[in-house]
Amino acid sequence: VGKIAGAAQKRVVGPDGGPGAVLHHVTMAYDIDADKMLEVLRIGKEKMSDKGTRSAKKRVDPLRRQTGLPRQVVIERMIDSFRKRHGLTTGSVTDAELARAEELVRTKFATPEWTARVP
C-alpha cells in the first residue's frame, strides 16, 4: 500500500495572541500517471531516504487502484463520512464573498510580493 495523499497545515495566531485559525490543505490522488509525475516533480534523494523508500513511483497508490470505485463514488463516500463524523452544512459562496475574494486576488495574492514570497 502506498501514499494516497499529502497534507500541509498553517496555524495563525490571532491578534494579541488570541484565537487564530488553522488552514489545512490535502491533496489526494484518485488516479495518477506515476511516470509523468516523476518527469514533473523534483524529488530529492534526501526526501526519499527520509521516507525509507527508493522509488517515489512505488510510494504512490491512488484511490482508484485501492478501491476499484468510480471517482464520483469515492467523492460521495468521503462527503458522507465527513458528514457523519463532523456534521456538514450545504451552502454556496455569496456575491459579496466572491467579490471580496476577487479583490484579495487582485490586491494581494496575485502580486509578485505574495507569489514570490519565501516564508
PDB file of N, CA and C in Angstrom:
ATOM      1  N   VAL A   1       0.851  -1.177   0.000  1.00  0.00           N
ATOM      2  CA  VAL A   1       0.000   0.000   0.000  1.00  0.00           C
ATOM      3  C   VAL A   1       0.891   1.232   0.000  1.00  0.00           C
ATOM      4  N   GLY A   2       0.568   2.185  -0.855  1.00  0.00           N
ATOM      5  CA  GLY A   2       1.357   3.401  -0.975  1.00  0.00           C
ATOM      6  C   GLY A   2       0.591   4.619  -0.536  1.00  0.00           C
ATOM      7  N   LYS A   3       1.177   5.748  -0.778  1.00  0.00           N
ATOM      8  CA  LYS A   3       0.643   7.040  -0.362  1.00  0.00           C
ATOM      9  C   LYS A   3      -0.504   7.458  -1.275  1.00  0.00           C
ATOM     10  N   ILE A   4      -1.608   7.904  -0.679  1.00  0.00           N
ATOM     11  CA  ILE A   4      -2.726   8.407  -1.477  1.00  0.00           C
ATOM     12  C   ILE A   4      -2.882   9.913  -1.332  1.00  0.00           C
ATOM     13  N   ALA A   5      -2.195  10.530  -0.354  1.00  0.00           N
ATOM     14  CA  ALA A   5      -2.412  11.947  -0.123  1.00  0.00           C
ATOM     15  C   ALA A   5      -1.194  12.603   0.495  1.00  0.00           C
ATOM     16  N   GLY A   6      -1.171  13.919   0.373  1.00  0.00           N
ATOM     17  CA  GLY A   6      -0.175  14.739   1.044  1.00  0.00           C
ATOM     18  C   GLY A   6      -0.913  15.874   1.730  1.00  0.00           C
ATOM     19  N   ALA A   7      -0.414  16.321   2.858  1.00  0.00           N
ATOM     20  CA  ALA A   7      -1.111  17.362   3.597  1.00  0.00           C
ATOM     21  C   ALA A   7      -0.131  18.404   4.114  1.00  0.00           C
ATOM     22  N   ALA A   8      -0.658  19.600   4.330  1.00  0.00           N
ATOM     23  CA  ALA A   8       0.121  20.689   4.920  1.00  0.00           C
ATOM     24  C   ALA A   8      -0.811  21.488   5.814  1.00  0.00           C
ATOM     25  N   GLN A   9      -0.217  22.137   6.787  1.00  0.00           N
ATOM     26  CA  GLN A   9      -1.021  22.899   7.724  1.00  0.00           C
ATOM     27  C   GLN A   9      -0.308  24.197   8.080  1.00  0.00           C
ATOM     28  N   LYS A  10      -1.082  25.254   8.210  1.00  0.00           N
ATOM     29  CA  LYS A  10      -0.560  26.548   8.633  1.00  0.00           C
ATOM     30  C   LYS A  10      -1.427  27.042   9.776  1.00  0.00           C
ATOM     31  N   ARG A  11      -0.800  27.342  10.897  1.00  0.00           N
ATOM     32  CA  ARG A  11      -1.518  27.879  12.053  1.00  0.00           C
ATOM     33  C   ARG A  11      -1.202  29.368  12.163  1.00  0.00           C
ATOM     34  N   VAL A  12      -2.235  30.142  12.389  1.00  0.00           N
ATOM     35  CA  VAL A  12      -2.090  31.582  12.514  1.00  0.00           C
ATOM     36  C   VAL A  12      -2.634  32.002  13.870  1.00  0.00           C
ATOM     37  N   VAL A  13      -1.810  32.691  14.647  1.00  0.00           N
ATOM     38  CA  VAL A  13      -2.225  33.197  15.949  1.00  0.00           C
ATOM     39  C   VAL A  13      -3.000  34.485  15.724  1.00  0.00           C
ATOM     40  N   GLY A  14      -4.075  34.647  16.456  1.00  0.00           N
ATOM     41  CA  GLY A  14      -4.906  35.834  16.328  1.00  0.00           C
ATOM     42  C   GLY A  14      -4.264  37.053  16.946  1.00  0.00           C
ATOM     43  N   PRO A  15      -4.925  38.179  16.816  1.00  0.00           N
ATOM     44  CA  PRO A  15      -4.420  39.424  17.408  1.00  0.00           C
ATOM     45  C   PRO A  15      -4.201  39.265  18.908  1.00  0.00           C
ATOM     46  N   ASP A  16      -3.150  39.840  19.398  1.00  0.00           N
ATOM     47  CA  ASP A  16      -2.820  39.799  20.826  1.00  0.00           C
ATOM     48  C   ASP A  16      -2.687  38.372  21.348  1.00  0.00           C
ATOM     49  N   GLY A  17      -2.291  37.442  20.484  1.00  0.00           N
ATOM     50  CA  GLY A  17      -2.088  36.058  20.910  1.00  0.00           C
ATOM     51  C   GLY A  17      -3.370  35.287  21.125  1.00  0.00           C
ATOM     52  N   GLY A  18      -4.492  35.875  20.772  1.00  0.00           N
ATOM     53  CA  GLY A  18      -5.793  35.223  20.950  1.00  0.00           C
ATOM     54  C   GLY A  18      -6.038  34.147  19.913  1.00  0.00           C
ATOM     55  N   PRO A  19      -7.265  33.627  19.881  1.00  0.00           N
ATOM     56  CA  PRO A  19      -7.605  32.568  18.931  1.00  0.00           C
ATOM     57  C   PRO A  19      -7.320  33.003  17.501  1.00  0.00           C
ATOM     58  N   GLY A  20      -6.803  32.091  16.742  1.00  0.00           N
ATOM     59  CA  GLY A  20      -6.479  32.380  15.354  1.00  0.00           C
ATOM     60  C   GLY A  20      -7.213  31.434  14.433  1.00  0.00           C
ATOM     61  N   ALA A  21      -6.480  30.858  13.527  1.00  0.00           N
ATOM     62  CA  ALA A  21      -7.086  29.963  12.543  1.00  0.00           C
ATOM     63  C   ALA A  21      -6.090  28.886  12.148  1.00  0.00           C
ATOM     64  N   VAL A  22      -6.622  27.825  11.599  1.00  0.00           N
ATOM     65  CA  VAL A  22      -5.802  26.747  11.050  1.00  0.00           C
ATOM     66  C   VAL A  22      -6.271  26.510   9.621  1.00  0.00           C
ATOM     67  N   LEU A  23      -5.324  26.553   8.700  1.00  0.00           N
ATOM     68  CA  LEU A  23      -5.614  26.213   7.310  1.00  0.00           C
ATOM     69  C   LEU A  23      -5.017  24.834   7.074  1.00  0.00           C
ATOM     70  N   HIS A  24      -5.851  23.884   6.703  1.00  0.00           N
ATOM     71  CA  HIS A  24      -5.376  22.523   6.452  1.00  0.00           C
ATOM     72  C   HIS A  24      -5.658  22.192   5.001  1.00  0.00           C
ATOM     73  N   HIS A  25      -4.623  21.794   4.283  1.00  0.00           N
ATOM     74  CA  HIS A  25      -4.723  21.527   2.848  1.00  0.00           C
ATOM     75  C   HIS A  25      -4.326  20.077   2.594  1.00  0.00           C
ATOM     76  N   VAL A  26      -5.131  19.378   1.809  1.00  0.00           N
ATOM     77  CA  VAL A  26      -4.834  17.990   1.473  1.00  0.00           C
ATOM     78  C   VAL A  26      -4.966  17.804  -0.036  1.00  0.00           C
ATOM     79  N   THR A  27      -4.025  17.101  -0.604  1.00  0.00           N
ATOM     80  CA  THR A  27      -4.115  16.696  -1.995  1.00  0.00           C
ATOM     81  C   THR A  27      -4.225  15.188  -2.011  1.00  0.00           C
ATOM     82  N   MET A  28      -5.282  14.673  -2.650  1.00  0.00           N
ATOM     83  CA  MET A  28      -5.480  13.226  -2.726  1.00  0.00           C
ATOM     84  C   MET A  28      -5.486  12.807  -4.190  1.00  0.00           C
ATOM     85  N   ALA A  29      -4.884  11.671  -4.459  1.00  0.00           N
ATOM     86  CA  ALA A  29      -4.824  11.166  -5.823  1.00  0.00           C
ATOM     87  C   ALA A  29      -5.900  10.110  -6.035  1.00  0.00           C
ATOM     88  N   TYR A  30      -6.819  10.381  -6.952  1.00  0.00           N
ATOM     89  CA  TYR A  30      -7.776   9.353  -7.357  1.00  0.00           C
ATOM     90  C   TYR A  30      -7.096   8.440  -8.367  1.00  0.00           C
ATOM     91  N   ASP A  31      -6.414   9.053  -9.318  1.00  0.00           N
ATOM     92  CA  ASP A  31      -5.679   8.305 -10.335  1.00  0.00           C
ATOM     93  C   ASP A  31      -4.477   9.148 -10.715  1.00  0.00           C
ATOM     94  N   ILE A  32      -3.417   8.512 -11.162  1.00  0.00           N
ATOM     95  CA  ILE A  32      -2.206   9.275 -11.473  1.00  0.00           C
ATOM     96  C   ILE A  32      -1.364   8.518 -12.489  1.00  0.00           C
ATOM     97  N   ASP A  33      -0.721   9.269 -13.341  1.00  0.00           N
ATOM     98  CA  ASP A  33       0.275   8.712 -14.253  1.00  0.00           C
ATOM     99  C   ASP A  33       1.610   8.854 -13.521  1.00  0.00           C
ATOM    100  N   ALA A  34       2.031   7.797 -12.850  1.00  0.00           N
ATOM    101  CA  ALA A  34       3.224   7.858 -11.998  1.00  0.00           C
ATOM    102  C   ALA A  34       4.479   8.190 -12.806  1.00  0.00           C
ATOM    103  N   ASP A  35       4.573   7.720 -14.038  1.00  0.00           N
ATOM    104  CA  ASP A  35       5.737   8.049 -14.865  1.00  0.00           C
ATOM    105  C   ASP A  35       5.789   9.552 -15.150  1.00  0.00           C
ATOM    106  N   LYS A  36       4.630  10.143 -15.475  1.00  0.00           N
ATOM    107  CA  LYS A  36       4.562  11.584 -15.742  1.00  0.00           C
ATOM    108  C   LYS A  36       4.873  12.361 -14.469  1.00  0.00           C
ATOM    109  N   MET A  37       4.377  11.865 -13.326  1.00  0.00           N
ATOM    110  CA  MET A  37       4.654  12.514 -12.051  1.00  0.00           C
ATOM    111  C   MET A  37       6.160  12.629 -11.838  1.00  0.00           C
ATOM    112  N   LEU A  38       6.895  11.569 -12.127  1.00  0.00           N
ATOM    113  CA  LEU A  38       8.342  11.583 -11.927  1.00  0.00           C
ATOM    114  C   LEU A  38       9.042  12.536 -12.878  1.00  0.00           C
ATOM    115  N   GLU A  39       8.464  12.736 -14.089  1.00  0.00           N
ATOM    116  CA  GLU A  39       9.031  13.690 -15.034  1.00  0.00           C
ATOM    117  C   GLU A  39       8.869  15.124 -14.526  1.00  0.00           C
ATOM    118  N   VAL A  40       7.754  15.402 -13.883  1.00  0.00           N
ATOM    119  CA  VAL A  40       7.405  16.763 -13.496  1.00  0.00           C
ATOM    120  C   VAL A  40       7.991  17.162 -12.147  1.00  0.00           C
ATOM    121  N   LEU A  41       7.936  16.268 -11.179  1.00  0.00           N
ATOM    122  CA  LEU A  41       8.401  16.598  -9.831  1.00  0.00           C
ATOM    123  C   LEU A  41       9.894  16.402  -9.690  1.00  0.00           C
ATOM    124  N   ARG A  42      10.472  17.205  -8.848  1.00  0.00           N
ATOM    125  CA  ARG A  42      11.881  17.033  -8.488  1.00  0.00           C
ATOM    126  C   ARG A  42      11.903  16.466  -7.077  1.00  0.00           C
ATOM    127  N   ILE A  43      12.140  15.199  -6.984  1.00  0.00           N
ATOM    128  CA  ILE A  43      12.128  14.553  -5.676  1.00  0.00           C
ATOM    129  C   ILE A  43      13.559  14.192  -5.319  1.00  0.00           C
ATOM    130  N   GLY A  44      14.079  14.898  -4.335  1.00  0.00           N
ATOM    131  CA  GLY A  44      15.469  14.701  -3.938  1.00  0.00           C
ATOM    132  C   GLY A  44      15.709  13.392  -3.215  1.00  0.00           C
ATOM    133  N   LYS A  45      16.953  12.947  -3.248  1.00  0.00           N
ATOM    134  CA  LYS A  45      17.329  11.709  -2.570  1.00  0.00           C
ATOM    135  C   LYS A  45      17.069  11.795  -1.070  1.00  0.00           C
ATOM    136  N   GLU A  46      17.240  13.007  -0.506  1.00  0.00           N
ATOM    137  CA  GLU A  46      17.010  13.176   0.928  1.00  0.00           C
ATOM    138  C   GLU A  46      15.565  12.876   1.287  1.00  0.00           C
ATOM    139  N   LYS A  47      14.635  13.361   0.463  1.00  0.00           N
ATOM    140  CA  LYS A  47      13.211  13.128   0.728  1.00  0.00           C
ATOM    141  C   LYS A  47      12.900  11.641   0.653  1.00  0.00           C
ATOM    142  N   MET A  48      13.473  10.959  -0.320  1.00  0.00           N
ATOM    143  CA  MET A  48      13.203   9.527  -0.471  1.00  0.00           C
ATOM    144  C   MET A  48      13.789   8.745   0.698  1.00  0.00           C
ATOM    145  N   SER A  49      15.022   9.045   1.080  1.00  0.00           N
ATOM    146  CA  SER A  49      15.630   8.305   2.184  1.00  0.00           C
ATOM    147  C   SER A  49      14.921   8.632   3.494  1.00  0.00           C
ATOM    148  N   ASP A  50      14.432   9.861   3.587  1.00  0.00           N
ATOM    149  CA  ASP A  50      13.640  10.284   4.743  1.00  0.00           C
ATOM    150  C   ASP A  50      12.428   9.378   4.939  1.00  0.00           C
ATOM    151  N   LYS A  51      11.851   8.949   3.841  1.00  0.00           N
ATOM    152  CA  LYS A  51      10.639   8.137   3.876  1.00  0.00           C
ATOM    153  C   LYS A  51      10.949   6.642   3.875  1.00  0.00           C
ATOM    154  N   GLY A  52      12.218   6.297   3.820  1.00  0.00           N
ATOM    155  CA  GLY A  52      12.606   4.892   3.874  1.00  0.00           C
ATOM    156  C   GLY A  52      12.252   4.110   2.619  1.00  0.00           C
ATOM    157  N   THR A  53      12.293   4.780   1.468  1.00  0.00           N
ATOM    158  CA  THR A  53      11.966   4.109   0.215  1.00  0.00           C
ATOM    159  C   THR A  53      12.931   4.553  -0.871  1.00  0.00           C
ATOM    160  N   ARG A  54      13.055   3.744  -1.898  1.00  0.00           N
ATOM    161  CA  ARG A  54      13.963   4.078  -3.007  1.00  0.00           C
ATOM    162  C   ARG A  54      13.239   4.666  -4.195  1.00  0.00           C
ATOM    163  N   SER A  55      11.945   4.421  -4.320  1.00  0.00           N
ATOM    164  CA  SER A  55      11.218   4.835  -5.503  1.00  0.00           C
ATOM    165  C   SER A  55       9.978   5.648  -5.161  1.00  0.00           C
ATOM    166  N   ALA A  56       9.917   6.878  -5.680  1.00  0.00           N
ATOM    167  CA  ALA A  56       8.724   7.709  -5.485  1.00  0.00           C
ATOM    168  C   ALA A  56       7.539   7.075  -6.191  1.00  0.00           C
ATOM    169  N   LYS A  57       7.787   6.448  -7.312  1.00  0.00           N
ATOM    170  CA  LYS A  57       6.711   5.820  -8.078  1.00  0.00           C
ATOM    171  C   LYS A  57       6.036   4.719  -7.253  1.00  0.00           C
ATOM    172  N   LYS A  58       6.822   3.959  -6.509  1.00  0.00           N
ATOM    173  CA  LYS A  58       6.248   2.877  -5.704  1.00  0.00           C
ATOM    174  C   LYS A  58       5.519   3.395  -4.476  1.00  0.00           C
ATOM    175  N   ARG A  59       5.797   4.627  -4.054  1.00  0.00           N
ATOM    176  CA  ARG A  59       5.131   5.208  -2.883  1.00  0.00           C
ATOM    177  C   ARG A  59       3.708   5.633  -3.195  1.00  0.00           C
ATOM    178  N   VAL A  60       3.396   5.900  -4.451  1.00  0.00           N
ATOM    179  CA  VAL A  60       2.084   6.414  -4.832  1.00  0.00           C
ATOM    180  C   VAL A  60       1.131   5.261  -5.111  1.00  0.00           C
ATOM    181  N   ASP A  61      -0.019   5.303  -4.471  1.00  0.00           N
ATOM    182  CA  ASP A  61      -1.029   4.261  -4.661  1.00  0.00           C
ATOM    183  C   ASP A  61      -2.398   4.929  -4.651  1.00  0.00           C
ATOM    184  N   PRO A  62      -2.851   5.418  -5.807  1.00  0.00           N
ATOM    185  CA  PRO A  62      -4.070   6.219  -5.851  1.00  0.00           C
ATOM    186  C   PRO A  62      -5.326   5.458  -5.429  1.00  0.00           C
ATOM    187  N   LEU A  63      -6.338   6.243  -5.063  1.00  0.00           N
ATOM    188  CA  LEU A  63      -7.596   5.686  -4.570  1.00  0.00           C
ATOM    189  C   LEU A  63      -8.279   4.763  -5.574  1.00  0.00           C
ATOM    190  N   ARG A  64      -8.185   5.066  -6.852  1.00  0.00           N
ATOM    191  CA  ARG A  64      -8.840   4.223  -7.853  1.00  0.00           C
ATOM    192  C   ARG A  64      -8.324   2.796  -7.760  1.00  0.00           C
ATOM    193  N   ARG A  65      -7.005   2.644  -7.641  1.00  0.00           N
ATOM    194  CA  ARG A  65      -6.425   1.314  -7.569  1.00  0.00           C
ATOM    195  C   ARG A  65      -6.770   0.638  -6.239  1.00  0.00           C
ATOM    196  N   GLN A  66      -6.784   1.410  -5.165  1.00  0.00           N
ATOM    197  CA  GLN A  66      -7.074   0.826  -3.851  1.00  0.00           C
ATOM    198  C   GLN A  66      -8.527   0.416  -3.686  1.00  0.00           C
ATOM    199  N   THR A  67      -9.446   1.201  -4.266  1.00  0.00           N
ATOM    200  CA  THR A  67     -10.868   0.943  -4.037  1.00  0.00           C
ATOM    201  C   THR A  67     -11.573   0.263  -5.199  1.00  0.00           C
ATOM    202  N   GLY A  68     -11.096   0.509  -6.418  1.00  0.00           N
ATOM    203  CA  GLY A  68     -11.793  -0.004  -7.596  1.00  0.00           C
ATOM    204  C   GLY A  68     -13.094   0.730  -7.876  1.00  0.00           C
ATOM    205  N   LEU A  69     -13.331   1.830  -7.163  1.00  0.00           N
ATOM    206  CA  LEU A  69     -14.582   2.570  -7.298  1.00  0.00           C
ATOM    207  C   LEU A  69     -14.447   3.732  -8.274  1.00  0.00           C
ATOM    208  N   PRO A  70     -15.555   4.102  -8.932  1.00  0.00           N
ATOM    209  CA  PRO A  70     -15.535   5.295  -9.775  1.00  0.00           C
ATOM    210  C   PRO A  70     -15.263   6.536  -8.937  1.00  0.00           C
ATOM    211  N   ARG A  71     -14.673   7.546  -9.544  1.00  0.00           N
ATOM    212  CA  ARG A  71     -14.282   8.778  -8.850  1.00  0.00           C
ATOM    213  C   ARG A  71     -15.456   9.403  -8.101  1.00  0.00           C
ATOM    214  N   GLN A  72     -16.624   9.523  -8.740  1.00  0.00           N
ATOM    215  CA  GLN A  72     -17.770  10.163  -8.106  1.00  0.00           C
ATOM    216  C   GLN A  72     -18.214   9.410  -6.855  1.00  0.00           C
ATOM    217  N   VAL A  73     -18.119   8.098  -6.866  1.00  0.00           N
ATOM    218  CA  VAL A  73     -18.487   7.297  -5.691  1.00  0.00           C
ATOM    219  C   VAL A  73     -17.510   7.571  -4.548  1.00  0.00           C
ATOM    220  N   VAL A  74     -16.216   7.658  -4.866  1.00  0.00           N
ATOM    221  CA  VAL A  74     -15.218   7.963  -3.836  1.00  0.00           C
ATOM    222  C   VAL A  74     -15.525   9.328  -3.220  1.00  0.00           C
ATOM    223  N   ILE A  75     -15.832  10.319  -4.046  1.00  0.00           N
ATOM    224  CA  ILE A  75     -16.156  11.662  -3.554  1.00  0.00           C
ATOM    225  C   ILE A  75     -17.384  11.615  -2.650  1.00  0.00           C
ATOM    226  N   GLU A  76     -18.439  10.948  -3.096  1.00  0.00           N
ATOM    227  CA  GLU A  76     -19.673  10.866  -2.306  1.00  0.00           C
ATOM    228  C   GLU A  76     -19.429  10.183  -0.965  1.00  0.00           C
ATOM    229  N   ARG A  77     -18.637   9.134  -0.964  1.00  0.00           N
ATOM    230  CA  ARG A  77     -18.363   8.434   0.295  1.00  0.00           C
ATOM    231  C   ARG A  77     -17.535   9.282   1.252  1.00  0.00           C
ATOM    232  N   MET A  78     -16.604  10.065   0.719  1.00  0.00           N
ATOM    233  CA  MET A  78     -15.822  10.962   1.576  1.00  0.00           C
ATOM    234  C   MET A  78     -16.724  12.021   2.199  1.00  0.00           C
ATOM    235  N   ILE A  79     -17.608  12.592   1.400  1.00  0.00           N
ATOM    236  CA  ILE A  79     -18.540  13.601   1.917  1.00  0.00           C
ATOM    237  C   ILE A  79     -19.444  12.987   2.979  1.00  0.00           C
ATOM    238  N   ASP A  80     -19.979  11.814   2.713  1.00  0.00           N
ATOM    239  CA  ASP A  80     -20.838  11.137   3.690  1.00  0.00           C
ATOM    240  C   ASP A  80     -20.088  10.850   4.988  1.00  0.00           C
ATOM    241  N   SER A  81     -18.856  10.403   4.873  1.00  0.00           N
ATOM    242  CA  SER A  81     -18.055  10.114   6.056  1.00  0.00           C
ATOM    243  C   SER A  81     -17.812  11.391   6.870  1.00  0.00           C
ATOM    244  N   PHE A  82     -17.471  12.466   6.191  1.00  0.00           N
ATOM    245  CA  PHE A  82     -17.258  13.746   6.880  1.00  0.00           C
ATOM    246  C   PHE A  82     -18.554  14.202   7.555  1.00  0.00           C
ATOM    247  N   ARG A  83     -19.674  14.068   6.835  1.00  0.00           N
ATOM    248  CA  ARG A  83     -20.972  14.481   7.379  1.00  0.00           C
ATOM    249  C   ARG A  83     -21.270  13.702   8.668  1.00  0.00           C
ATOM    250  N   LYS A  84     -21.054  12.401   8.673  1.00  0.00           N
ATOM    251  CA  LYS A  84     -21.336  11.569   9.846  1.00  0.00           C
ATOM    252  C   LYS A  84     -20.428  11.906  11.019  1.00  0.00           C
ATOM    253  N   ARG A  85     -19.175  12.184  10.741  1.00  0.00           N
ATOM    254  CA  ARG A  85     -18.207  12.446  11.817  1.00  0.00           C
ATOM    255  C   ARG A  85     -18.250  13.861  12.358  1.00  0.00           C
ATOM    256  N   HIS A  86     -18.445  14.838  11.467  1.00  0.00           N
ATOM    257  CA  HIS A  86     -18.254  16.229  11.869  1.00  0.00           C
ATOM    258  C   HIS A  86     -19.456  17.138  11.610  1.00  0.00           C
ATOM    259  N   GLY A  87     -20.463  16.616  10.962  1.00  0.00           N
ATOM    260  CA  GLY A  87     -21.572  17.475  10.573  1.00  0.00           C
ATOM    261  C   GLY A  87     -21.227  18.185   9.275  1.00  0.00           C
ATOM    262  N   LEU A  88     -22.213  18.626   8.576  1.00  0.00           N
ATOM    263  CA  LEU A  88     -21.969  19.265   7.288  1.00  0.00           C
ATOM    264  C   LEU A  88     -23.141  20.165   6.965  1.00  0.00           C
ATOM    265  N   THR A  89     -22.849  21.369   6.563  1.00  0.00           N
ATOM    266  CA  THR A  89     -23.875  22.301   6.142  1.00  0.00           C
ATOM    267  C   THR A  89     -23.630  22.627   4.680  1.00  0.00           C
ATOM    268  N   THR A  90     -24.642  22.443   3.878  1.00  0.00           N
ATOM    269  CA  THR A  90     -24.525  22.750   2.458  1.00  0.00           C
ATOM    270  C   THR A  90     -24.778  24.239   2.269  1.00  0.00           C
ATOM    271  N   GLY A  91     -23.957  24.877   1.480  1.00  0.00           N
ATOM    272  CA  GLY A  91     -24.100  26.308   1.242  1.00  0.00           C
ATOM    273  C   GLY A  91     -23.455  26.685  -0.068  1.00  0.00           C
ATOM    274  N   SER A  92     -23.396  27.960  -0.312  1.00  0.00           N
ATOM    275  CA  SER A  92     -22.735  28.443  -1.520  1.00  0.00           C
ATOM    276  C   SER A  92     -22.061  29.770  -1.208  1.00  0.00           C
ATOM    277  N   VAL A  93     -21.173  30.166  -2.074  1.00  0.00           N
ATOM    278  CA  VAL A  93     -20.444  31.422  -1.918  1.00  0.00           C
ATOM    279  C   VAL A  93     -21.379  32.562  -2.308  1.00  0.00           C
ATOM    280  N   THR A  94     -21.470  33.566  -1.446  1.00  0.00           N
ATOM    281  CA  THR A  94     -22.324  34.720  -1.744  1.00  0.00           C
ATOM    282  C   THR A  94     -21.621  35.646  -2.728  1.00  0.00           C
ATOM    283  N   ASP A  95     -22.384  36.517  -3.342  1.00  0.00           N
ATOM    284  CA  ASP A  95     -21.798  37.501  -4.267  1.00  0.00           C
ATOM    285  C   ASP A  95     -20.784  38.387  -3.547  1.00  0.00           C
ATOM    286  N   ALA A  96     -21.090  38.750  -2.300  1.00  0.00           N
ATOM    287  CA  ALA A  96     -20.171  39.591  -1.519  1.00  0.00           C
ATOM    288  C   ALA A  96     -18.875  38.844  -1.222  1.00  0.00           C
ATOM    289  N   GLU A  97     -18.975  37.555  -0.862  1.00  0.00           N
ATOM    290  CA  GLU A  97     -17.771  36.755  -0.595  1.00  0.00           C
ATOM    291  C   GLU A  97     -16.924  36.612  -1.855  1.00  0.00           C
ATOM    292  N   LEU A  98     -17.573  36.371  -2.979  1.00  0.00           N
ATOM    293  CA  LEU A  98     -16.852  36.241  -4.243  1.00  0.00           C
ATOM    294  C   LEU A  98     -16.170  37.555  -4.612  1.00  0.00           C
ATOM    295  N   ALA A  99     -16.852  38.665  -4.444  1.00  0.00           N
ATOM    296  CA  ALA A  99     -16.255  39.977  -4.747  1.00  0.00           C
ATOM    297  C   ALA A  99     -15.045  40.228  -3.853  1.00  0.00           C
ATOM    298  N   ARG A 100     -15.146  39.889  -2.570  1.00  0.00           N
ATOM    299  CA  ARG A 100     -14.019  40.084  -1.640  1.00  0.00           C
ATOM    300  C   ARG A 100     -12.847  39.200  -2.044  1.00  0.00           C
ATOM    301  N   ALA A 101     -13.130  37.948  -2.422  1.00  0.00           N
ATOM    302  CA  ALA A 101     -12.065  37.036  -2.847  1.00  0.00           C
ATOM    303  C   ALA A 101     -11.367  37.564  -4.098  1.00  0.00           C
ATOM    304  N   GLU A 102     -12.138  38.050  -5.049  1.00  0.00           N
ATOM    305  CA  GLU A 102     -11.553  38.605  -6.271  1.00  0.00           C
ATOM    306  C   GLU A 102     -10.698  39.830  -5.966  1.00  0.00           C
ATOM    307  N   GLU A 103     -11.156  40.659  -5.026  1.00  0.00           N
ATOM    308  CA  GLU A 103     -10.377  41.832  -4.609  1.00  0.00           C
ATOM    309  C   GLU A 103      -9.055  41.405  -3.969  1.00  0.00           C
ATOM    310  N   LEU A 104      -9.087  40.377  -3.128  1.00  0.00           N
ATOM    311  CA  LEU A 104      -7.863  39.878  -2.489  1.00  0.00           C
ATOM    312  C   LEU A 104      -6.889  39.295  -3.515  1.00  0.00           C
ATOM    313  N   VAL A 105      -7.410  38.638  -4.515  1.00  0.00           N
ATOM    314  CA  VAL A 105      -6.531  38.128  -5.575  1.00  0.00           C
ATOM    315  C   VAL A 105      -5.845  39.304  -6.256  1.00  0.00           C
ATOM    316  N   ARG A 106      -6.627  40.283  -6.632  1.00  0.00           N
ATOM    317  CA  ARG A 106      -6.103  41.444  -7.366  1.00  0.00           C
ATOM    318  C   ARG A 106      -5.098  42.243  -6.532  1.00  0.00           C
ATOM    319  N   THR A 107      -5.381  42.444  -5.259  1.00  0.00           N
ATOM    320  CA  THR A 107      -4.553  43.340  -4.450  1.00  0.00           C
ATOM    321  C   THR A 107      -3.464  42.639  -3.645  1.00  0.00           C
ATOM    322  N   LYS A 108      -3.562  41.325  -3.486  1.00  0.00           N
ATOM    323  CA  LYS A 108      -2.590  40.637  -2.640  1.00  0.00           C
ATOM    324  C   LYS A 108      -2.057  39.354  -3.263  1.00  0.00           C
ATOM    325  N   PHE A 109      -2.934  38.375  -3.476  1.00  0.00           N
ATOM    326  CA  PHE A 109      -2.474  37.027  -3.804  1.00  0.00           C
ATOM    327  C   PHE A 109      -1.924  36.863  -5.224  1.00  0.00           C
ATOM    328  N   ALA A 110      -2.203  37.789  -6.132  1.00  0.00           N
ATOM    329  CA  ALA A 110      -1.646  37.701  -7.486  1.00  0.00           C
ATOM    330  C   ALA A 110      -0.431  38.603  -7.670  1.00  0.00           C
ATOM    331  N   THR A 111       0.013  39.232  -6.604  1.00  0.00           N
ATOM    332  CA  THR A 111       1.160  40.141  -6.708  1.00  0.00           C
ATOM    333  C   THR A 111       2.474  39.382  -6.582  1.00  0.00           C
ATOM    334  N   PRO A 112       3.534  39.887  -7.214  1.00  0.00           N
ATOM    335  CA  PRO A 112       4.843  39.238  -7.084  1.00  0.00           C
ATOM    336  C   PRO A 112       5.323  39.169  -5.631  1.00  0.00           C
ATOM    337  N   GLU A 113       4.946  40.169  -4.838  1.00  0.00           N
ATOM    338  CA  GLU A 113       5.348  40.158  -3.426  1.00  0.00           C
ATOM    339  C   GLU A 113       4.782  38.934  -2.702  1.00  0.00           C
ATOM    340  N   TRP A 114       3.599  38.503  -3.099  1.00  0.00           N
ATOM    341  CA  TRP A 114       2.980  37.334  -2.462  1.00  0.00           C
ATOM    342  C   TRP A 114       3.454  36.031  -3.133  1.00  0.00           C
ATOM    343  N   THR A 115       3.401  35.980  -4.453  1.00  0.00           N
ATOM    344  CA  THR A 115       3.704  34.716  -5.141  1.00  0.00           C
ATOM    345  C   THR A 115       5.179  34.340  -5.074  1.00  0.00           C
ATOM    346  N   ALA A 116       6.053  35.324  -4.905  1.00  0.00           N
ATOM    347  CA  ALA A 116       7.488  35.025  -4.828  1.00  0.00           C
ATOM    348  C   ALA A 116       7.978  35.015  -3.381  1.00  0.00           C
ATOM    349  N   ARG A 117       7.071  35.139  -2.444  1.00  0.00           N
ATOM    350  CA  ARG A 117       7.407  35.193  -1.011  1.00  0.00           C
ATOM    351  C   ARG A 117       7.936  33.856  -0.519  1.00  0.00           C
ATOM    352  N   VAL A 118       9.007  33.919   0.230  1.00  0.00           N
ATOM    353  CA  VAL A 118       9.549  32.718   0.849  1.00  0.00           C
ATOM    354  C   VAL A 118       9.450  32.914   2.358  1.00  0.00           C
ATOM    355  N   PRO A 119       8.559  32.135   3.005  1.00  0.00           N
ATOM    356  CA  PRO A 119       8.381  32.326   4.448  1.00  0.00           C
ATOM    357  C   PRO A 119       9.594  31.910   5.248  1.00  0.00           C
TER     358      PRO A 119
END
